Amino acid sequence: MKKVIMLSVVATFGLVLTFGIGNQSTNKATSSIEGVKVIQYAHGET
Protein backbone atom coordinates (compact mmCIF):
# COMPACT_ATOMS: atom_id res chain seq x y z
CA MET A 1 0.00 0.00 0.00
CA LYS A 2 2.81 2.42 0.82
CA LYS A 3 4.44 1.77 -2.57
CA VAL A 4 1.24 2.81 -4.38
CA ILE A 5 1.02 6.03 -2.36
CA MET A 6 4.68 6.85 -3.00
CA LEU A 7 4.30 6.21 -6.74
CA SER A 8 1.27 8.49 -7.00
CA VAL A 9 3.04 11.24 -5.02
CA VAL A 10 6.10 11.02 -7.26
CA ALA A 11 3.95 10.98 -10.41
CA THR A 12 1.94 13.99 -9.24
CA PHE A 13 5.11 15.90 -8.32
CA GLY A 14 6.57 15.10 -11.73
CA LEU A 15 3.46 16.40 -13.50
CA VAL A 16 3.41 19.61 -11.43
CA LEU A 17 7.10 20.18 -12.11
CA THR A 18 6.69 19.55 -15.84
CA PHE A 19 3.70 21.88 -16.19
CA GLY A 20 5.38 24.51 -14.00
CA ILE A 21 8.44 24.54 -16.26
CA GLY A 22 6.23 24.62 -19.36
CA ASN A 23 4.16 27.54 -18.07
CA GLN A 24 7.19 29.64 -17.04
CA SER A 25 9.17 29.05 -20.23
CA THR A 26 8.73 30.31 -23.75
CA ASN A 27 7.71 27.80 -26.42
CA LYS A 28 11.28 27.76 -27.73
CA ALA A 29 12.78 26.95 -24.32
CA THR A 30 10.17 24.26 -23.69
CA SER A 31 10.93 22.72 -27.08
CA SER A 32 14.67 22.53 -26.34
CA ILE A 33 13.99 20.96 -22.93
CA GLU A 34 11.78 18.33 -24.58
CA GLY A 35 14.41 17.80 -27.27
CA VAL A 36 17.06 17.11 -24.64
CA LYS A 37 14.71 14.65 -22.91
CA VAL A 38 14.11 12.83 -26.21
CA ILE A 39 17.86 12.66 -26.92
CA GLN A 40 18.57 11.33 -23.41
CA TYR A 41 15.77 8.78 -23.79
CA ALA A 42 17.18 7.66 -27.12
CA HIS A 43 20.57 7.12 -25.48
CA GLY A 44 18.95 5.09 -22.68
CA GLU A 45 19.45 7.74 -20.01
CA THR A 46 16.77 8.89 -17.57
PDB file of N, CA and C in Angstrom:
ATOM      1  N   MET A   1       0.837  -1.207   0.000  1.00  0.00           N
ATOM      2  CA  MET A   1       0.000   0.000   0.000  1.00  0.00           C
ATOM      3  C   MET A   1       0.870   1.255   0.000  1.00  0.00           C
ATOM      4  N   LYS A   2       1.942   1.240   0.776  1.00  0.00           N
ATOM      5  CA  LYS A   2       2.815   2.416   0.819  1.00  0.00           C
ATOM      6  C   LYS A   2       3.466   2.677  -0.533  1.00  0.00           C
ATOM      7  N   LYS A   3       3.808   1.606  -1.252  1.00  0.00           N
ATOM      8  CA  LYS A   3       4.435   1.774  -2.571  1.00  0.00           C
ATOM      9  C   LYS A   3       3.503   2.511  -3.525  1.00  0.00           C
ATOM     10  N   VAL A   4       2.222   2.163  -3.488  1.00  0.00           N
ATOM     11  CA  VAL A   4       1.244   2.807  -4.377  1.00  0.00           C
ATOM     12  C   VAL A   4       1.153   4.296  -4.062  1.00  0.00           C
ATOM     13  N   ILE A   5       1.107   4.626  -2.770  1.00  0.00           N
ATOM     14  CA  ILE A   5       1.019   6.033  -2.359  1.00  0.00           C
ATOM     15  C   ILE A   5       2.265   6.787  -2.817  1.00  0.00           C
ATOM     16  N   MET A   6       3.435   6.198  -2.604  1.00  0.00           N
ATOM     17  CA  MET A   6       4.680   6.848  -3.002  1.00  0.00           C
ATOM     18  C   MET A   6       4.718   7.080  -4.504  1.00  0.00           C
ATOM     19  N   LEU A   7       4.292   6.075  -5.283  1.00  0.00           N
ATOM     20  CA  LEU A   7       4.299   6.211  -6.741  1.00  0.00           C
ATOM     21  C   LEU A   7       3.386   7.343  -7.192  1.00  0.00           C
ATOM     22  N   SER A   8       2.207   7.433  -6.595  1.00  0.00           N
ATOM     23  CA  SER A   8       1.274   8.489  -7.003  1.00  0.00           C
ATOM     24  C   SER A   8       1.794   9.865  -6.611  1.00  0.00           C
ATOM     25  N   VAL A   9       2.451   9.961  -5.446  1.00  0.00           N
ATOM     26  CA  VAL A   9       3.035  11.239  -5.021  1.00  0.00           C
ATOM     27  C   VAL A   9       4.133  11.660  -5.987  1.00  0.00           C
ATOM     28  N   VAL A  10       5.009  10.719  -6.332  1.00  0.00           N
ATOM     29  CA  VAL A  10       6.100  11.017  -7.264  1.00  0.00           C
ATOM     30  C   VAL A  10       5.549  11.413  -8.632  1.00  0.00           C
ATOM     31  N   ALA A  11       4.546  10.676  -9.101  1.00  0.00           N
ATOM     32  CA  ALA A  11       3.954  10.976 -10.409  1.00  0.00           C
ATOM     33  C   ALA A  11       3.312  12.362 -10.410  1.00  0.00           C
ATOM     34  N   THR A  12       2.582  12.680  -9.339  1.00  0.00           N
ATOM     35  CA  THR A  12       1.939  13.993  -9.238  1.00  0.00           C
ATOM     36  C   THR A  12       2.978  15.098  -9.207  1.00  0.00           C
ATOM     37  N   PHE A  13       4.042  14.905  -8.414  1.00  0.00           N
ATOM     38  CA  PHE A  13       5.111  15.900  -8.323  1.00  0.00           C
ATOM     39  C   PHE A  13       5.760  16.106  -9.678  1.00  0.00           C
ATOM     40  N   GLY A  14       5.975  15.015 -10.400  1.00  0.00           N
ATOM     41  CA  GLY A  14       6.570  15.104 -11.732  1.00  0.00           C
ATOM     42  C   GLY A  14       5.700  15.904 -12.685  1.00  0.00           C
ATOM     43  N   LEU A  15       4.386  15.664 -12.634  1.00  0.00           N
ATOM     44  CA  LEU A  15       3.462  16.405 -13.500  1.00  0.00           C
ATOM     45  C   LEU A  15       3.463  17.887 -13.155  1.00  0.00           C
ATOM     46  N   VAL A  16       3.411  18.202 -11.859  1.00  0.00           N
ATOM     47  CA  VAL A  16       3.408  19.607 -11.425  1.00  0.00           C
ATOM     48  C   VAL A  16       4.686  20.296 -11.882  1.00  0.00           C
ATOM     49  N   LEU A  17       5.817  19.612 -11.711  1.00  0.00           N
ATOM     50  CA  LEU A  17       7.102  20.177 -12.106  1.00  0.00           C
ATOM     51  C   LEU A  17       7.143  20.417 -13.610  1.00  0.00           C
ATOM     52  N   THR A  18       6.680  19.436 -14.374  1.00  0.00           N
ATOM     53  CA  THR A  18       6.694  19.554 -15.836  1.00  0.00           C
ATOM     54  C   THR A  18       5.828  20.717 -16.301  1.00  0.00           C
ATOM     55  N   PHE A  19       4.596  20.804 -15.776  1.00  0.00           N
ATOM     56  CA  PHE A  19       3.697  21.880 -16.194  1.00  0.00           C
ATOM     57  C   PHE A  19       4.204  23.227 -15.703  1.00  0.00           C
ATOM     58  N   GLY A  20       4.825  23.261 -14.521  1.00  0.00           N
ATOM     59  CA  GLY A  20       5.384  24.506 -14.000  1.00  0.00           C
ATOM     60  C   GLY A  20       6.472  25.038 -14.908  1.00  0.00           C
ATOM     61  N   ILE A  21       7.365  24.153 -15.344  1.00  0.00           N
ATOM     62  CA  ILE A  21       8.435  24.540 -16.262  1.00  0.00           C
ATOM     63  C   ILE A  21       7.831  25.018 -17.581  1.00  0.00           C
ATOM     64  N   GLY A  22       6.856  24.277 -18.085  1.00  0.00           N
ATOM     65  CA  GLY A  22       6.227  24.620 -19.356  1.00  0.00           C
ATOM     66  C   GLY A  22       5.549  25.984 -19.307  1.00  0.00           C
ATOM     67  N   ASN A  23       4.886  26.283 -18.176  1.00  0.00           N
ATOM     68  CA  ASN A  23       4.161  27.545 -18.065  1.00  0.00           C
ATOM     69  C   ASN A  23       5.114  28.722 -17.927  1.00  0.00           C
ATOM     70  N   GLN A  24       6.270  28.532 -17.290  1.00  0.00           N
ATOM     71  CA  GLN A  24       7.191  29.636 -17.043  1.00  0.00           C
ATOM     72  C   GLN A  24       8.119  29.889 -18.218  1.00  0.00           C
ATOM     73  N   SER A  25       8.227  28.931 -19.122  1.00  0.00           N
ATOM     74  CA  SER A  25       9.171  29.047 -20.228  1.00  0.00           C
ATOM     75  C   SER A  25       8.474  29.523 -21.487  1.00  0.00           C
ATOM     76  N   THR A  26       9.266  30.019 -22.427  1.00  0.00           N
ATOM     77  CA  THR A  26       8.726  30.306 -23.749  1.00  0.00           C
ATOM     78  C   THR A  26       8.590  28.996 -24.498  1.00  0.00           C
ATOM     79  N   ASN A  27       7.883  29.014 -25.626  1.00  0.00           N
ATOM     80  CA  ASN A  27       7.712  27.801 -26.416  1.00  0.00           C
ATOM     81  C   ASN A  27       9.058  27.268 -26.883  1.00  0.00           C
ATOM     82  N   LYS A  28       9.967  28.172 -27.237  1.00  0.00           N
ATOM     83  CA  LYS A  28      11.279  27.755 -27.735  1.00  0.00           C
ATOM     84  C   LYS A  28      12.055  27.021 -26.641  1.00  0.00           C
ATOM     85  N   ALA A  29      12.056  27.570 -25.432  1.00  0.00           N
ATOM     86  CA  ALA A  29      12.782  26.951 -24.323  1.00  0.00           C
ATOM     87  C   ALA A  29      12.176  25.598 -23.983  1.00  0.00           C
ATOM     88  N   THR A  30      10.850  25.523 -23.976  1.00  0.00           N
ATOM     89  CA  THR A  30      10.175  24.259 -23.692  1.00  0.00           C
ATOM     90  C   THR A  30      10.535  23.214 -24.739  1.00  0.00           C
ATOM     91  N   SER A  31      10.600  23.646 -25.996  1.00  0.00           N
ATOM     92  CA  SER A  31      10.935  22.719 -27.075  1.00  0.00           C
ATOM     93  C   SER A  31      12.341  22.168 -26.896  1.00  0.00           C
ATOM     94  N   SER A  32      13.301  23.030 -26.500  1.00  0.00           N
ATOM     95  CA  SER A  32      14.665  22.533 -26.336  1.00  0.00           C
ATOM     96  C   SER A  32      14.758  21.578 -25.156  1.00  0.00           C
ATOM     97  N   ILE A  33      14.005  21.867 -24.081  1.00  0.00           N
ATOM     98  CA  ILE A  33      13.988  20.959 -22.928  1.00  0.00           C
ATOM     99  C   ILE A  33      13.458  19.594 -23.355  1.00  0.00           C
ATOM    100  N   GLU A  34      12.354  19.593 -24.106  1.00  0.00           N
ATOM    101  CA  GLU A  34      11.782  18.332 -24.576  1.00  0.00           C
ATOM    102  C   GLU A  34      12.746  17.620 -25.517  1.00  0.00           C
ATOM    103  N   GLY A  35      13.435  18.388 -26.355  1.00  0.00           N
ATOM    104  CA  GLY A  35      14.406  17.796 -27.273  1.00  0.00           C
ATOM    105  C   GLY A  35      15.520  17.092 -26.525  1.00  0.00           C
ATOM    106  N   VAL A  36      16.011  17.728 -25.453  1.00  0.00           N
ATOM    107  CA  VAL A  36      17.063  17.108 -24.639  1.00  0.00           C
ATOM    108  C   VAL A  36      16.544  15.820 -24.015  1.00  0.00           C
ATOM    109  N   LYS A  37      15.305  15.852 -23.510  1.00  0.00           N
ATOM    110  CA  LYS A  37      14.707  14.653 -22.912  1.00  0.00           C
ATOM    111  C   LYS A  37      14.635  13.523 -23.935  1.00  0.00           C
ATOM    112  N   VAL A  38      14.222  13.856 -25.164  1.00  0.00           N
ATOM    113  CA  VAL A  38      14.114  12.832 -26.209  1.00  0.00           C
ATOM    114  C   VAL A  38      15.484  12.251 -26.528  1.00  0.00           C
ATOM    115  N   ILE A  39      16.494  13.128 -26.623  1.00  0.00           N
ATOM    116  CA  ILE A  39      17.859  12.659 -26.922  1.00  0.00           C
ATOM    117  C   ILE A  39      18.347  11.738 -25.804  1.00  0.00           C
ATOM    118  N   GLN A  40      18.144  12.156 -24.543  1.00  0.00           N
ATOM    119  CA  GLN A  40      18.572  11.334 -23.410  1.00  0.00           C
ATOM    120  C   GLN A  40      17.843   9.995 -23.421  1.00  0.00           C
ATOM    121  N   TYR A  41      16.545  10.017 -23.728  1.00  0.00           N
ATOM    122  CA  TYR A  41      15.766   8.783 -23.787  1.00  0.00           C
ATOM    123  C   TYR A  41      16.307   7.868 -24.873  1.00  0.00           C
ATOM    124  N   ALA A  42      16.661   8.453 -26.012  1.00  0.00           N
ATOM    125  CA  ALA A  42      17.177   7.657 -27.124  1.00  0.00           C
ATOM    126  C   ALA A  42      18.506   7.005 -26.760  1.00  0.00           C
ATOM    127  N   HIS A  43      19.282   7.671 -25.901  1.00  0.00           N
ATOM    128  CA  HIS A  43      20.570   7.118 -25.481  1.00  0.00           C
ATOM    129  C   HIS A  43      20.427   6.206 -24.264  1.00  0.00           C
ATOM    130  N   GLY A  44      19.198   6.000 -23.799  1.00  0.00           N
ATOM    131  CA  GLY A  44      18.952   5.089 -22.684  1.00  0.00           C
ATOM    132  C   GLY A  44      19.176   5.724 -21.330  1.00  0.00           C
ATOM    133  N   GLU A  45      19.278   7.053 -21.281  1.00  0.00           N
ATOM    134  CA  GLU A  45      19.445   7.742 -20.011  1.00  0.00           C
ATOM    135  C   GLU A  45      18.083   8.157 -19.477  1.00  0.00           C
ATOM    136  N   THR A  46      18.040   8.449 -18.159  1.00  0.00           N
ATOM    137  CA  THR A  46      16.770   8.888 -17.567  1.00  0.00           C
ATOM    138  C   THR A  46      16.867  10.335 -17.165  1.00  0.00           C
TER     139      THR A  46
END
